[in-house]
PDB file of N, CA and C in Angstrom:
ATOM      1  N   MET A   1     183.910  80.368  82.703  1.00  0.00           N
ATOM      2  CA  MET A   1     182.837  79.524  82.196  1.00  0.00           C
ATOM      3  C   MET A   1     181.756  80.417  81.576  1.00  0.00           C
ATOM      4  N   THR A   2     181.347  80.065  80.391  1.00  0.00           N
ATOM      5  CA  THR A   2     180.254  80.792  79.760  1.00  0.00           C
ATOM      6  C   THR A   2     178.934  80.212  80.234  1.00  0.00           C
ATOM      7  N   SER A   3     177.949  81.081  80.352  1.00  0.00           N
ATOM      8  CA  SER A   3     176.651  80.606  80.826  1.00  0.00           C
ATOM      9  C   SER A   3     175.849  80.028  79.656  1.00  0.00           C
ATOM     10  N   ILE A   4     174.876  79.243  79.999  1.00  0.00           N
ATOM     11  CA  ILE A   4     174.003  78.639  79.007  1.00  0.00           C
ATOM     12  C   ILE A   4     172.811  79.568  78.787  1.00  0.00           C
ATOM     13  N   HIS A   5     172.433  79.775  77.543  1.00  0.00           N
ATOM     14  CA  HIS A   5     171.304  80.649  77.213  1.00  0.00           C
ATOM     15  C   HIS A   5     170.133  79.753  76.821  1.00  0.00           C
ATOM     16  N   PHE A   6     169.238  79.521  77.773  1.00  0.00           N
ATOM     17  CA  PHE A   6     168.124  78.603  77.539  1.00  0.00           C
ATOM     18  C   PHE A   6     167.190  79.088  76.439  1.00  0.00           C
ATOM     19  N   GLY A   7     166.980  80.388  76.358  1.00  0.00           N
ATOM     20  CA  GLY A   7     166.107  80.916  75.317  1.00  0.00           C
ATOM     21  C   GLY A   7     166.592  80.548  73.926  1.00  0.00           C
ATOM     22  N   ASN A   8     167.906  80.674  73.715  1.00  0.00           N
ATOM     23  CA  ASN A   8     168.474  80.290  72.419  1.00  0.00           C
ATOM     24  C   ASN A   8     168.305  78.798  72.164  1.00  0.00           C
ATOM     25  N   LEU A   9     168.535  77.993  73.191  1.00  0.00           N
ATOM     26  CA  LEU A   9     168.375  76.542  73.034  1.00  0.00           C
ATOM     27  C   LEU A   9     166.943  76.184  72.658  1.00  0.00           C
ATOM     28  N   ILE A  10     166.003  76.825  73.314  1.00  0.00           N
ATOM     29  CA  ILE A  10     164.589  76.545  73.043  1.00  0.00           C
ATOM     30  C   ILE A  10     164.238  76.971  71.615  1.00  0.00           C
ATOM     31  N   ARG A  11     164.649  78.170  71.232  1.00  0.00           N
ATOM     32  CA  ARG A  11     164.374  78.656  69.875  1.00  0.00           C
ATOM     33  C   ARG A  11     165.007  77.734  68.831  1.00  0.00           C
ATOM     34  N   ASP A  12     166.244  77.302  69.064  1.00  0.00           N
ATOM     35  CA  ASP A  12     166.925  76.408  68.127  1.00  0.00           C
ATOM     36  C   ASP A  12     166.204  75.070  68.004  1.00  0.00           C
ATOM     37  N   GLU A  13     165.745  74.538  69.122  1.00  0.00           N
ATOM     38  CA  GLU A  13     165.031  73.250  69.098  1.00  0.00           C
ATOM     39  C   GLU A  13     163.691  73.395  68.378  1.00  0.00           C
ATOM     40  N   LEU A  14     163.003  74.477  68.630  1.00  0.00           N
ATOM     41  CA  LEU A  14     161.732  74.728  67.956  1.00  0.00           C
ATOM     42  C   LEU A  14     161.946  74.795  66.443  1.00  0.00           C
ATOM     43  N   LYS A  15     162.987  75.496  66.043  1.00  0.00           N
ATOM     44  CA  LYS A  15     163.322  75.624  64.621  1.00  0.00           C
ATOM     45  C   LYS A  15     163.711  74.268  64.025  1.00  0.00           C
ATOM     46  N   ALA A  16     164.506  73.492  64.755  1.00  0.00           N
ATOM     47  CA  ALA A  16     164.931  72.174  64.278  1.00  0.00           C
ATOM     48  C   ALA A  16     163.736  71.250  64.054  1.00  0.00           C
ATOM     49  N   GLN A  17     162.712  71.424  64.862  1.00  0.00           N
ATOM     50  CA  GLN A  17     161.506  70.606  64.727  1.00  0.00           C
ATOM     51  C   GLN A  17     160.556  71.145  63.663  1.00  0.00           C
ATOM     52  N   GLY A  18     160.861  72.308  63.104  1.00  0.00           N
ATOM     53  CA  GLY A  18     160.016  72.905  62.076  1.00  0.00           C
ATOM     54  C   GLY A  18     158.680  73.410  62.600  1.00  0.00           C
ATOM     55  N   ARG A  19     158.657  73.750  63.876  1.00  0.00           N
ATOM     56  CA  ARG A  19     157.417  74.238  64.490  1.00  0.00           C
ATOM     57  C   ARG A  19     157.409  75.763  64.517  1.00  0.00           C
ATOM     58  N   THR A  20     156.220  76.318  64.553  1.00  0.00           N
ATOM     59  CA  THR A  20     156.076  77.769  64.548  1.00  0.00           C
ATOM     60  C   THR A  20     156.005  78.316  65.970  1.00  0.00           C
ATOM     61  N   VAL A  21     156.250  79.604  66.076  1.00  0.00           N
ATOM     62  CA  VAL A  21     156.125  80.274  67.367  1.00  0.00           C
ATOM     63  C   VAL A  21     154.669  80.237  67.825  1.00  0.00           C
ATOM     64  N   THR A  22     153.748  80.349  66.898  1.00  0.00           N
ATOM     65  CA  THR A  22     152.324  80.281  67.238  1.00  0.00           C
ATOM     66  C   THR A  22     151.993  78.923  67.852  1.00  0.00           C
ATOM     67  N   TRP A  23     152.480  77.851  67.248  1.00  0.00           N
ATOM     68  CA  TRP A  23     152.257  76.506  67.794  1.00  0.00           C
ATOM     69  C   TRP A  23     152.841  76.406  69.203  1.00  0.00           C
ATOM     70  N   PHE A  24     154.069  76.885  69.354  1.00  0.00           N
ATOM     71  CA  PHE A  24     154.755  76.823  70.636  1.00  0.00           C
ATOM     72  C   PHE A  24     153.986  77.580  71.709  1.00  0.00           C
ATOM     73  N   ALA A  25     153.563  78.792  71.390  1.00  0.00           N
ATOM     74  CA  ALA A  25     152.824  79.606  72.356  1.00  0.00           C
ATOM     75  C   ALA A  25     151.545  78.904  72.798  1.00  0.00           C
ATOM     76  N   LYS A  26     150.808  78.351  71.841  1.00  0.00           N
ATOM     77  CA  LYS A  26     149.586  77.610  72.192  1.00  0.00           C
ATOM     78  C   LYS A  26     149.907  76.410  73.075  1.00  0.00           C
ATOM     79  N   ALA A  27     150.963  75.701  72.739  1.00  0.00           N
ATOM     80  CA  ALA A  27     151.322  74.478  73.463  1.00  0.00           C
ATOM     81  C   ALA A  27     151.691  74.748  74.919  1.00  0.00           C
ATOM     82  N   ILE A  28     152.298  75.907  75.178  1.00  0.00           N
ATOM     83  CA  ILE A  28     152.674  76.221  76.564  1.00  0.00           C
ATOM     84  C   ILE A  28     151.697  77.210  77.204  1.00  0.00           C
ATOM     85  N   HIS A  29     150.584  77.481  76.506  1.00  0.00           N
ATOM     86  CA  HIS A  29     149.501  78.314  77.032  1.00  0.00           C
ATOM     87  C   HIS A  29     149.938  79.745  77.327  1.00  0.00           C
ATOM     88  N   CYS A  30     150.531  80.381  76.318  1.00  0.00           N
ATOM     89  CA  CYS A  30     150.857  81.798  76.430  1.00  0.00           C
ATOM     90  C   CYS A  30     150.642  82.438  75.063  1.00  0.00           C
ATOM     91  N   ASP A  31     150.846  83.744  74.980  1.00  0.00           N
ATOM     92  CA  ASP A  31     150.714  84.383  73.671  1.00  0.00           C
ATOM     93  C   ASP A  31     152.091  84.480  73.000  1.00  0.00           C
ATOM     94  N   ARG A  32     152.076  84.831  71.722  1.00  0.00           N
ATOM     95  CA  ARG A  32     153.327  84.877  70.957  1.00  0.00           C
ATOM     96  C   ARG A  32     154.329  85.860  71.557  1.00  0.00           C
ATOM     97  N   THR A  33     153.843  86.976  72.078  1.00  0.00           N
ATOM     98  CA  THR A  33     154.737  87.968  72.677  1.00  0.00           C
ATOM     99  C   THR A  33     155.547  87.347  73.803  1.00  0.00           C
ATOM    100  N   ASN A  34     154.885  86.572  74.659  1.00  0.00           N
ATOM    101  CA  ASN A  34     155.589  85.914  75.762  1.00  0.00           C
ATOM    102  C   ASN A  34     156.537  84.834  75.254  1.00  0.00           C
ATOM    103  N   ALA A  35     156.168  84.162  74.177  1.00  0.00           N
ATOM    104  CA  ALA A  35     157.061  83.154  73.597  1.00  0.00           C
ATOM    105  C   ALA A  35     158.368  83.816  73.154  1.00  0.00           C
ATOM    106  N   TYR A  36     158.269  84.963  72.497  1.00  0.00           N
ATOM    107  CA  TYR A  36     159.486  85.677  72.078  1.00  0.00           C
ATOM    108  C   TYR A  36     160.300  86.146  73.276  1.00  0.00           C
ATOM    109  N   LYS A  37     159.626  86.519  74.355  1.00  0.00           N
ATOM    110  CA  LYS A  37     160.344  86.899  75.576  1.00  0.00           C
ATOM    111  C   LYS A  37     161.124  85.714  76.131  1.00  0.00           C
ATOM    112  N   ILE A  38     160.542  84.522  76.040  1.00  0.00           N
ATOM    113  CA  ILE A  38     161.247  83.310  76.495  1.00  0.00           C
ATOM    114  C   ILE A  38     162.527  83.126  75.692  1.00  0.00           C
ATOM    115  N   PHE A  39     162.439  83.309  74.372  1.00  0.00           N
ATOM    116  CA  PHE A  39     163.618  83.130  73.522  1.00  0.00           C
ATOM    117  C   PHE A  39     164.728  84.115  73.867  1.00  0.00           C
ATOM    118  N   ASN A  40     164.359  85.290  74.352  1.00  0.00           N
ATOM    119  CA  ASN A  40     165.351  86.313  74.686  1.00  0.00           C
ATOM    120  C   ASN A  40     165.948  86.151  76.080  1.00  0.00           C
ATOM    121  N   ASN A  41     165.376  85.280  76.902  1.00  0.00           N
ATOM    122  CA  ASN A  41     165.867  85.083  78.269  1.00  0.00           C
ATOM    123  C   ASN A  41     166.907  83.969  78.331  1.00  0.00           C
ATOM    124  N   SER A  42     167.993  84.266  79.005  1.00  0.00           N
ATOM    125  CA  SER A  42     168.980  83.208  79.218  1.00  0.00           C
ATOM    126  C   SER A  42     168.570  82.324  80.394  1.00  0.00           C
ATOM    127  N   ASN A  43     167.846  82.903  81.343  1.00  0.00           N
ATOM    128  CA  ASN A  43     167.386  82.157  82.511  1.00  0.00           C
ATOM    129  C   ASN A  43     165.888  81.893  82.396  1.00  0.00           C
ATOM    130  N   ILE A  44     165.505  80.656  82.620  1.00  0.00           N
ATOM    131  CA  ILE A  44     164.103  80.257  82.526  1.00  0.00           C
ATOM    132  C   ILE A  44     163.704  79.596  83.846  1.00  0.00           C
ATOM    133  N   ASP A  45     162.551  79.957  84.362  1.00  0.00           N
ATOM    134  CA  ASP A  45     162.011  79.320  85.555  1.00  0.00           C
ATOM    135  C   ASP A  45     161.956  77.805  85.343  1.00  0.00           C
ATOM    136  N   THR A  46     162.319  77.033  86.352  1.00  0.00           N
ATOM    137  CA  THR A  46     162.387  75.577  86.187  1.00  0.00           C
ATOM    138  C   THR A  46     161.045  74.938  85.864  1.00  0.00           C
ATOM    139  N   ASP A  47     159.960  75.457  86.436  1.00  0.00           N
ATOM    140  CA  ASP A  47     158.635  74.911  86.099  1.00  0.00           C
ATOM    141  C   ASP A  47     158.316  75.131  84.625  1.00  0.00           C
ATOM    142  N   LEU A  48     158.618  76.325  84.137  1.00  0.00           N
ATOM    143  CA  LEU A  48     158.385  76.622  82.730  1.00  0.00           C
ATOM    144  C   LEU A  48     159.300  75.785  81.849  1.00  0.00           C
ATOM    145  N   LEU A  49     160.549  75.643  82.239  1.00  0.00           N
ATOM    146  CA  LEU A  49     161.490  74.834  81.456  1.00  0.00           C
ATOM    147  C   LEU A  49     161.035  73.380  81.400  1.00  0.00           C
ATOM    148  N   PHE A  50     160.479  72.879  82.481  1.00  0.00           N
ATOM    149  CA  PHE A  50     159.947  71.517  82.500  1.00  0.00           C
ATOM    150  C   PHE A  50     158.794  71.379  81.507  1.00  0.00           C
ATOM    151  N   ARG A  51     157.868  72.344  81.519  1.00  0.00           N
ATOM    152  CA  ARG A  51     156.740  72.308  80.570  1.00  0.00           C
ATOM    153  C   ARG A  51     157.228  72.366  79.132  1.00  0.00           C
ATOM    154  N   ILE A  52     158.185  73.244  78.874  1.00  0.00           N
ATOM    155  CA  ILE A  52     158.726  73.375  77.523  1.00  0.00           C
ATOM    156  C   ILE A  52     159.421  72.084  77.098  1.00  0.00           C
ATOM    157  N   SER A  53     160.161  71.484  78.010  1.00  0.00           N
ATOM    158  CA  SER A  53     160.830  70.209  77.716  1.00  0.00           C
ATOM    159  C   SER A  53     159.813  69.143  77.323  1.00  0.00           C
ATOM    160  N   ARG A  54     158.714  69.090  78.046  1.00  0.00           N
ATOM    161  CA  ARG A  54     157.663  68.104  77.733  1.00  0.00           C
ATOM    162  C   ARG A  54     157.008  68.390  76.395  1.00  0.00           C
ATOM    163  N   VAL A  55     156.685  69.645  76.145  1.00  0.00           N
ATOM    164  CA  VAL A  55     156.010  70.026  74.901  1.00  0.00           C
ATOM    165  C   VAL A  55     156.890  69.732  73.685  1.00  0.00           C
ATOM    166  N   LEU A  56     158.174  70.050  73.787  1.00  0.00           N
ATOM    167  CA  LEU A  56     159.079  69.853  72.660  1.00  0.00           C
ATOM    168  C   LEU A  56     159.709  68.465  72.643  1.00  0.00           C
ATOM    169  N   GLY A  57     159.509  67.700  73.710  1.00  0.00           N
ATOM    170  CA  GLY A  57     160.107  66.366  73.758  1.00  0.00           C
ATOM    171  C   GLY A  57     161.627  66.426  73.779  1.00  0.00           C
ATOM    172  N   HIS A  58     162.147  67.434  74.451  1.00  0.00           N
ATOM    173  CA  HIS A  58     163.601  67.635  74.529  1.00  0.00           C
ATOM    174  C   HIS A  58     163.969  67.979  75.967  1.00  0.00           C
ATOM    175  N   ASP A  59     164.948  67.297  76.510  1.00  0.00           N
ATOM    176  CA  ASP A  59     165.348  67.498  77.900  1.00  0.00           C
ATOM    177  C   ASP A  59     166.380  68.620  78.007  1.00  0.00           C
ATOM    178  N   PHE A  60     165.905  69.824  78.261  1.00  0.00           N
ATOM    179  CA  PHE A  60     166.802  70.973  78.388  1.00  0.00           C
ATOM    180  C   PHE A  60     167.616  70.906  79.678  1.00  0.00           C
ATOM    181  N   PHE A  61     167.136  70.158  80.651  1.00  0.00           N
ATOM    182  CA  PHE A  61     167.908  69.958  81.878  1.00  0.00           C
ATOM    183  C   PHE A  61     169.160  69.133  81.580  1.00  0.00           C
ATOM    184  N   LYS A  62     169.041  68.193  80.670  1.00  0.00           N
ATOM    185  CA  LYS A  62     170.197  67.395  80.254  1.00  0.00           C
ATOM    186  C   LYS A  62     171.215  68.291  79.554  1.00  0.00           C
ATOM    187  N   ASP A  63     170.731  69.237  78.763  1.00  0.00           N
ATOM    188  CA  ASP A  63     171.629  70.194  78.113  1.00  0.00           C
ATOM    189  C   ASP A  63     172.411  70.987  79.163  1.00  0.00           C
ATOM    190  N   ALA A  64     171.731  71.390  80.228  1.00  0.00           N
ATOM    191  CA  ALA A  64     172.393  72.146  81.294  1.00  0.00           C
ATOM    192  C   ALA A  64     173.443  71.293  81.992  1.00  0.00           C
ATOM    193  N   THR A  65     173.117  70.034  82.234  1.00  0.00           N
ATOM    194  CA  THR A  65     174.063  69.128  82.875  1.00  0.00           C
ATOM    195  C   THR A  65     175.295  68.914  81.996  1.00  0.00           C
ATOM    196  N   ALA A  66     175.079  68.746  80.699  1.00  0.00           N
ATOM    197  CA  ALA A  66     176.199  68.572  79.769  1.00  0.00           C
ATOM    198  C   ALA A  66     177.068  69.829  79.738  1.00  0.00           C
ATOM    199  N   HIS A  67     176.427  70.983  79.809  1.00  0.00           N
ATOM    200  CA  HIS A  67     177.166  72.245  79.832  1.00  0.00           C
ATOM    201  C   HIS A  67     178.035  72.339  81.091  1.00  0.00           C
ATOM    202  N   LEU A  68     177.489  71.914  82.217  1.00  0.00           N
ATOM    203  CA  LEU A  68     178.260  71.909  83.471  1.00  0.00           C
ATOM    204  C   LEU A  68     179.439  70.955  83.387  1.00  0.00           C
ATOM    205  N   ALA A  69     179.206  69.779  82.851  1.00  0.00           N
ATOM    206  CA  ALA A  69     180.283  68.786  82.740  1.00  0.00           C
ATOM    207  C   ALA A  69     181.400  69.294  81.838  1.00  0.00           C
ATOM    208  N   LYS A  70     181.023  69.955  80.761  1.00  0.00           N
ATOM    209  CA  LYS A  70     182.026  70.513  79.837  1.00  0.00           C
ATOM    210  C   LYS A  70     182.836  71.596  80.530  1.00  0.00           C
ATOM    211  N   ALA A  71     182.137  72.449  81.297  1.00  0.00           N
ATOM    212  CA  ALA A  71     182.816  73.533  82.010  1.00  0.00           C
ATOM    213  C   ALA A  71     183.765  72.989  83.067  1.00  0.00           C
ATOM    214  N   ASP A  72     183.347  71.912  83.746  1.00  0.00           N
ATOM    215  CA  ASP A  72     184.199  71.290  84.759  1.00  0.00           C
ATOM    216  C   ASP A  72     185.451  70.679  84.153  1.00  0.00           C
ATOM    217  N   ALA A  73     185.340  70.196  82.922  1.00  0.00           N
ATOM    218  CA  ALA A  73     186.465  69.551  82.260  1.00  0.00           C
ATOM    219  C   ALA A  73     187.495  70.568  81.772  1.00  0.00           C
ATOM    220  N   GLU A  74     187.082  71.809  81.626  1.00  0.00           N
ATOM    221  CA  GLU A  74     187.992  72.842  81.105  1.00  0.00           C
ATOM    222  C   GLU A  74     188.933  73.364  82.149  1.00  0.00           C
TER     223      GLU A  74
END
């Protein structure tokens, strides 16, 4: 089973929404450097992932569940 890379998912969603890294960093109350660190991490703290999900209006927990279901089916 391949693992899910949350940082990539977050970066892809941000890009799909046409939002900037600066906007994202402000929205989650961090600086741009930390935002880029988030994109590079495959593992994200659940509290932070919850905040990011709310800010972007995207349920990343649902993505994780779908990934698990796909892995179970294989």
